[in-house]
Amino acid sequence: MDKQIDKLIDHIRDLENRLGEVDNNLRYIKVVQALKYSLDKLDDMLKDNQELQREYQATYHSYFYTGCGFSFYNRVCNSILDYKYGNKPF
């Protein structure tokens, strides 16, 4: 299970890097949707297991908790909604 979570976290980080390199609207929304799917999957994996939650606490907090404003997960969801309502980033 730990290898799956590590692989998923690496995939999320790769998607974050790809988000900065997109050059059109279609690629942007595909990466954002993949990020949301991967973050939901990470949340589901860690939701019921206290031991794994303690092990990956720093990573989980960086994606799902806010300091001031929106969390990373909330910004991804807001980007999808914004795109749905016609506001294109490019």
Protein backbone atom coordinates (compact mmCIF):
# COMPACT_ATOMS: atom_id res chain seq x y z
CA MET A 1 0.00 0.00 0.00
CA ASP A 2 2.85 2.40 0.79
CA LYS A 3 4.33 1.95 -2.69
CA GLN A 4 0.97 2.77 -4.27
CA ILE A 5 0.66 5.93 -2.20
CA ASP A 6 4.24 6.98 -2.97
CA LYS A 7 3.63 6.37 -6.67
CA LEU A 8 0.40 8.40 -6.52
CA ILE A 9 2.14 11.29 -4.75
CA ASP A 10 4.87 11.27 -7.41
CA HIS A 11 2.15 11.34 -10.09
CA ILE A 12 0.48 14.31 -8.39
CA ARG A 13 3.80 16.18 -8.28
CA ASP A 14 4.37 15.37 -11.95
CA LEU A 15 0.93 16.75 -12.80
CA GLU A 16 1.71 19.91 -10.83
CA ASN A 17 4.84 20.38 -12.93
CA ARG A 18 2.94 19.72 -16.15
CA LEU A 19 0.35 22.32 -15.13
CA GLY A 20 3.01 24.99 -15.43
CA GLU A 21 3.96 23.83 -18.92
CA VAL A 22 0.58 23.62 -20.64
CA ASP A 23 0.08 25.85 -23.64
CA ASN A 24 -3.62 25.62 -24.47
CA ASN A 25 -7.03 25.24 -22.83
CA LEU A 26 -7.55 21.57 -23.61
CA ARG A 27 -4.24 20.47 -22.08
CA TYR A 28 -4.89 22.69 -19.08
CA ILE A 29 -8.28 21.19 -18.26
CA LYS A 30 -7.01 17.64 -18.80
CA VAL A 31 -4.19 18.17 -16.31
CA VAL A 32 -6.50 19.85 -13.79
CA GLN A 33 -9.04 17.03 -14.06
CA ALA A 34 -6.28 14.44 -13.65
CA LEU A 35 -5.08 16.32 -10.57
CA LYS A 36 -8.55 16.27 -9.04
CA TYR A 37 -8.95 12.56 -9.73
CA SER A 38 -5.53 11.78 -8.22
CA LEU A 39 -6.17 13.93 -5.15
CA ASP A 40 -9.54 12.24 -4.60
CA LYS A 41 -7.82 8.87 -4.89
CA LEU A 42 -5.16 9.90 -2.35
CA ASP A 43 -7.86 11.08 0.03
CA ASP A 44 -9.70 7.77 -0.29
CA MET A 45 -6.53 5.77 0.35
CA LEU A 46 -5.68 7.67 3.52
CA LYS A 47 -9.19 8.24 4.85
CA ASP A 48 -9.71 5.05 6.85
CA ASN A 49 -6.16 4.14 7.91
CA GLN A 50 -4.82 6.05 10.92
CA GLU A 51 -1.32 4.62 10.57
CA LEU A 52 -0.99 5.79 6.97
CA GLN A 53 -2.48 9.15 7.89
CA ARG A 54 0.29 9.71 10.43
CA GLU A 55 2.96 8.62 7.95
CA TYR A 56 1.74 10.91 5.15
CA GLN A 57 0.42 13.72 7.33
CA ALA A 58 2.67 16.46 5.94
CA THR A 59 1.82 15.62 2.33
CA TYR A 60 -1.90 15.34 3.09
CA HIS A 61 -1.92 18.70 4.86
CA SER A 62 -0.10 20.37 2.00
CA TYR A 63 -2.84 19.35 -0.44
CA PHE A 64 -6.03 19.45 1.62
CA TYR A 65 -5.65 22.02 4.42
CA THR A 66 -5.57 25.78 4.20
CA GLY A 67 -3.29 28.26 5.82
CA CYS A 68 -4.99 31.37 4.49
CA GLY A 69 -7.39 31.16 1.60
CA PHE A 70 -8.00 27.98 -0.37
CA SER A 71 -6.21 24.65 -0.15
CA PHE A 72 -4.54 23.19 -3.23
CA TYR A 73 -7.48 20.79 -3.64
CA ASN A 74 -9.98 23.66 -3.45
CA ARG A 75 -8.03 25.64 -6.06
CA VAL A 76 -8.10 22.63 -8.41
CA CYS A 77 -11.88 22.26 -7.92
CA ASN A 78 -12.38 26.00 -8.42
CA SER A 79 -10.35 25.89 -11.64
CA ILE A 80 -12.60 23.14 -12.99
CA LEU A 81 -15.73 25.12 -12.08
CA ASP A 82 -14.29 28.29 -13.56
CA TYR A 83 -13.50 26.46 -16.79
CA LYS A 84 -16.98 24.94 -16.82
CA TYR A 85 -18.54 28.39 -16.68
CA GLY A 86 -16.56 29.60 -19.68
CA ASN A 87 -13.55 31.34 -18.17
CA LYS A 88 -10.63 30.03 -20.16
CA PRO A 89 -7.04 30.53 -18.95
CA PHE A 90 -5.62 30.95 -22.48
